[in-house]
Amino acid sequence: MGDMIYREARLEEYEKIGKLLANSFLDYPFLTIIRDDLKKPDYYPNFVETLQTMLTRVYIKKGNCLVAEQDGELRAVALLQQKDFCILSYLQNGGTNIFRYIRPRNLFKYFDFVKRSKKHLEQSGEFDWYLMALAVNTASKGQGIGSTFLTQGIEPYVKSKGCKHLGLITSTARNEKNDYVLLDHMDLKYGSKSIGNWSFLKTMNKL
């Protein structure tokens, strides 16, 4: 096998990246929690793919989308941002397609849920870059690709852009490694349900 290449994603790759993200996150609690709010629960896989494809377009055009590529195959992807994007950005990049699967009020309810999750990180510590998503191709999981991508691809990239503190959020407590410090944990409410919300931070000048 050839060496792993870390690079910025190209716009023409957004559908392929969206599928990778959707397949990787299909069982992720932050997404499965919305299943009952869809027009039909069976819409869930299509909803997730449409959502992730939309996010990918926005991040490639307005934020930062990195990929880990090996022998021409995408092994992992990361969505990074320095500032929030407005709802209009999502609607302009395929967001209207999502209304096939979910009513607008329920989508905005979910966006508020995601916003409250990030707000938890903002209240827990200072960060200037935010790792919104890190996904590994399902066929490549369990090989350490995600951890290597984080330390050898993502962190050097954001540090080269002047990042001093990289923050991330997860719905599991399994990220307390690679010098990421657990800032706080809370149970985040979504209607009658709730999931754990862990916020982490890494100081880049310690690299």
Protein backbone atom coordinates (compact mmCIF):
# COMPACT_ATOMS: atom_id res chain seq x y z
CA MET A 1 0.00 0.00 0.00
CA GLY A 2 1.06 3.56 -0.67
CA ASP A 3 1.52 6.31 1.88
CA MET A 4 -1.48 8.07 3.39
CA ILE A 5 -2.01 11.52 1.90
CA TYR A 6 -3.75 14.27 3.89
CA ARG A 7 -5.23 17.07 1.80
CA GLU A 8 -8.12 19.50 1.45
CA ALA A 9 -11.20 18.05 -0.21
CA ARG A 10 -12.32 19.13 -3.66
CA LEU A 11 -15.89 20.28 -4.31
CA GLU A 12 -16.51 17.57 -6.89
CA GLU A 13 -15.92 14.99 -4.13
CA TYR A 14 -18.77 16.19 -1.90
CA GLU A 15 -21.18 13.35 -2.72
CA LYS A 16 -18.55 10.65 -2.14
CA ILE A 17 -17.54 12.30 1.14
CA GLY A 18 -21.18 12.67 2.18
CA LYS A 19 -21.71 8.93 1.70
CA LEU A 20 -18.59 8.13 3.75
CA LEU A 21 -19.81 10.34 6.59
CA ALA A 22 -23.33 8.91 6.44
CA ASN A 23 -22.16 5.30 6.52
CA SER A 24 -19.75 6.00 9.37
CA PHE A 25 -22.29 7.89 11.51
CA LEU A 26 -25.43 5.86 10.82
CA ASP A 27 -25.49 4.45 14.37
CA TYR A 28 -24.15 7.59 16.08
CA PRO A 29 -26.40 8.68 18.99
CA PHE A 30 -26.34 12.32 17.86
CA LEU A 31 -28.13 11.20 14.70
CA THR A 32 -30.22 8.22 15.77
CA ILE A 33 -31.98 10.45 18.30
CA ILE A 34 -33.81 12.20 15.46
CA ARG A 35 -35.26 9.06 13.84
CA ASP A 36 -38.71 9.43 15.45
CA ASP A 37 -38.94 13.06 14.28
CA LEU A 38 -38.71 12.14 10.61
CA LYS A 39 -41.83 11.90 8.46
CA LYS A 40 -41.23 8.14 8.46
CA PRO A 41 -38.59 6.26 10.50
CA ASP A 42 -37.68 4.33 7.33
CA TYR A 43 -36.41 7.61 5.85
CA TYR A 44 -33.53 7.63 8.33
CA PRO A 45 -30.68 6.34 6.06
CA ASN A 46 -31.65 8.74 3.25
CA PHE A 47 -32.02 11.60 5.72
CA VAL A 48 -28.53 10.99 7.14
CA GLU A 49 -26.93 10.84 3.70
CA THR A 50 -28.71 14.01 2.57
CA LEU A 51 -27.69 15.80 5.78
CA GLN A 52 -24.05 14.74 5.55
CA THR A 53 -23.84 15.60 1.85
CA MET A 54 -25.23 19.06 2.60
CA LEU A 55 -22.76 19.55 5.45
CA THR A 56 -19.88 18.47 3.22
CA ARG A 57 -20.75 21.04 0.55
CA VAL A 58 -20.93 23.81 3.15
CA TYR A 59 -17.64 22.85 4.78
CA ILE A 60 -15.76 22.54 1.49
CA LYS A 61 -17.03 25.95 0.34
CA LYS A 62 -17.08 27.91 3.59
CA GLY A 63 -14.99 25.99 6.10
CA ASN A 64 -12.41 23.30 5.92
CA CYS A 65 -12.82 19.70 4.83
CA LEU A 66 -9.79 17.43 5.00
CA VAL A 67 -9.48 13.90 3.68
CA ALA A 68 -7.08 11.03 4.27
CA GLU A 69 -6.43 9.30 0.95
CA GLN A 70 -4.51 6.11 0.23
CA ASP A 71 -4.04 4.57 -3.20
CA GLY A 72 -6.76 6.83 -4.58
CA GLU A 73 -9.31 5.75 -1.97
CA LEU A 74 -10.79 8.04 0.67
CA ARG A 75 -10.03 6.47 4.06
CA ALA A 76 -11.24 9.24 6.37
CA VAL A 77 -12.67 12.76 6.38
CA ALA A 78 -12.74 15.65 8.83
CA LEU A 79 -15.00 18.72 8.91
CA LEU A 80 -13.41 21.72 10.64
CA GLN A 81 -14.54 25.27 11.26
CA GLN A 82 -13.45 28.54 12.83
CA LYS A 83 -16.85 30.25 12.81
CA ASP A 84 -20.48 29.20 12.70
CA PHE A 85 -22.39 29.01 9.44
CA CYS A 86 -25.87 30.51 9.11
CA ILE A 87 -28.92 28.40 8.28
CA LEU A 88 -29.03 30.03 4.84
CA SER A 89 -25.66 28.47 4.01
CA TYR A 90 -27.15 25.02 4.51
CA LEU A 91 -30.29 25.76 2.51
CA GLN A 92 -28.19 27.09 -0.37
CA ASN A 93 -26.15 23.88 -0.48
CA GLY A 94 -28.82 21.24 -0.81
CA GLY A 95 -30.64 21.82 2.45
CA THR A 96 -34.05 22.04 0.82
CA ASN A 97 -33.71 18.39 -0.26
CA ILE A 98 -33.80 17.37 3.37
CA PHE A 99 -37.43 18.47 3.71
CA ARG A 100 -38.44 15.32 1.83
CA TYR A 101 -37.66 13.44 5.03
CA ILE A 102 -38.33 15.88 7.86
CA ARG A 103 -40.66 18.80 8.53
CA PRO A 104 -38.97 22.19 8.85
CA ARG A 105 -39.88 22.67 12.52
CA ASN A 106 -38.30 19.31 13.41
CA LEU A 107 -35.16 20.10 11.43
CA PHE A 108 -34.78 23.42 13.24
CA LYS A 109 -35.40 21.61 16.54
CA TYR A 110 -32.49 19.31 15.66
CA PHE A 111 -30.26 22.21 14.61
CA ASP A 112 -30.97 23.82 17.99
CA PHE A 113 -29.97 20.56 19.66
CA VAL A 114 -26.64 20.57 17.78
CA LYS A 115 -26.14 24.25 18.62
CA ARG A 116 -26.69 23.58 22.33
CA SER A 117 -24.16 20.79 22.14
CA LYS A 118 -21.51 23.13 20.76
CA LYS A 119 -22.54 25.82 23.27
CA HIS A 120 -21.58 23.37 25.99
CA LEU A 121 -18.04 23.30 24.58
CA GLU A 122 -17.94 27.10 24.32
CA GLN A 123 -18.91 27.42 27.98
CA SER A 124 -16.36 24.80 29.05
CA GLY A 125 -13.20 26.21 27.49
CA GLU A 126 -11.64 28.58 24.97
CA PHE A 127 -11.06 27.21 21.45
CA ASP A 128 -10.38 28.85 18.10
CA TRP A 129 -10.93 25.78 15.88
CA TYR A 130 -13.69 23.20 16.14
CA LEU A 131 -13.60 19.62 14.87
CA MET A 132 -17.21 19.12 13.87
CA ALA A 133 -16.78 15.59 12.51
CA LEU A 134 -14.13 12.93 12.04
CA ALA A 135 -15.23 9.82 10.16
CA VAL A 136 -13.40 6.75 8.91
CA ASN A 137 -14.50 4.66 5.94
CA THR A 138 -16.41 1.70 7.41
CA ALA A 139 -14.11 -0.75 5.61
CA SER A 140 -11.08 0.91 7.22
CA LYS A 141 -12.27 1.07 10.84
CA GLY A 142 -10.23 -0.60 13.54
CA GLN A 143 -6.91 0.10 11.80
CA GLY A 144 -5.96 3.23 13.75
CA ILE A 145 -6.58 5.44 10.72
CA GLY A 146 -8.76 7.95 12.60
CA SER A 147 -6.26 8.49 15.41
CA THR A 148 -3.36 8.83 12.96
CA PHE A 149 -5.38 11.23 10.79
CA LEU A 150 -6.06 13.34 13.87
CA THR A 151 -2.43 13.60 14.99
CA GLN A 152 -0.64 13.59 11.62
CA GLY A 153 -3.17 15.28 9.36
CA ILE A 154 -5.74 17.39 11.18
CA GLU A 155 -3.64 18.83 14.01
CA PRO A 156 -0.68 19.91 11.81
CA TYR A 157 -3.17 21.45 9.37
CA VAL A 158 -5.01 23.58 11.92
CA LYS A 159 -1.74 24.50 13.63
CA SER A 160 -0.42 25.78 10.28
CA LYS A 161 -3.53 27.99 10.13
CA GLY A 162 -2.73 29.52 13.52
CA CYS A 163 -4.89 27.28 15.69
CA LYS A 164 -3.97 27.36 19.36
CA HIS A 165 -6.84 25.33 20.83
CA LEU A 166 -8.80 22.63 19.00
CA GLY A 167 -12.15 21.67 20.51
CA LEU A 168 -14.42 18.73 19.83
CA ILE A 169 -17.63 17.19 21.15
CA THR A 170 -18.64 13.55 21.31
CA SER A 171 -21.51 11.51 22.64
CA THR A 172 -19.10 8.94 24.08
CA ALA A 173 -16.31 9.26 26.64
CA ARG A 174 -13.77 7.40 24.52
CA ASN A 175 -11.76 10.39 23.29
CA GLU A 176 -9.62 11.01 26.36
CA LYS A 177 -6.38 10.25 24.54
CA ASN A 178 -3.87 11.96 22.23
CA ASP A 179 -3.53 14.72 24.88
CA TYR A 180 -7.18 15.79 24.61
CA VAL A 181 -8.42 17.07 27.94
CA LEU A 182 -11.97 16.34 29.06
CA LEU A 183 -13.48 19.71 29.93
CA ASP A 184 -16.98 18.76 30.97
CA HIS A 185 -19.86 16.34 30.56
CA MET A 186 -23.59 16.94 30.58
CA ASP A 187 -26.77 15.16 29.55
CA LEU A 188 -28.21 17.02 26.58
CA LYS A 189 -32.00 17.01 26.27
CA TYR A 190 -33.80 16.42 22.99
CA GLY A 191 -37.53 16.35 23.56
CA SER A 192 -38.19 13.54 26.02
CA LYS A 193 -34.80 11.95 25.26
CA SER A 194 -31.26 12.80 26.29
CA ILE A 195 -27.73 11.75 25.40
CA GLY A 196 -24.34 12.35 26.96
CA ASN A 197 -22.32 15.30 25.69
CA TRP A 198 -18.56 15.27 26.35
CA SER A 199 -16.43 18.29 25.44
CA PHE A 200 -12.69 17.97 24.82
CA LEU A 201 -9.86 20.42 24.12
CA LYS A 202 -6.28 20.14 22.94
CA THR A 203 -3.70 22.89 23.17
CA MET A 204 -1.72 22.92 19.92
CA ASN A 205 1.47 24.54 21.26
CA LYS A 206 2.13 21.31 23.15
CA LEU A 207 2.67 19.47 19.86
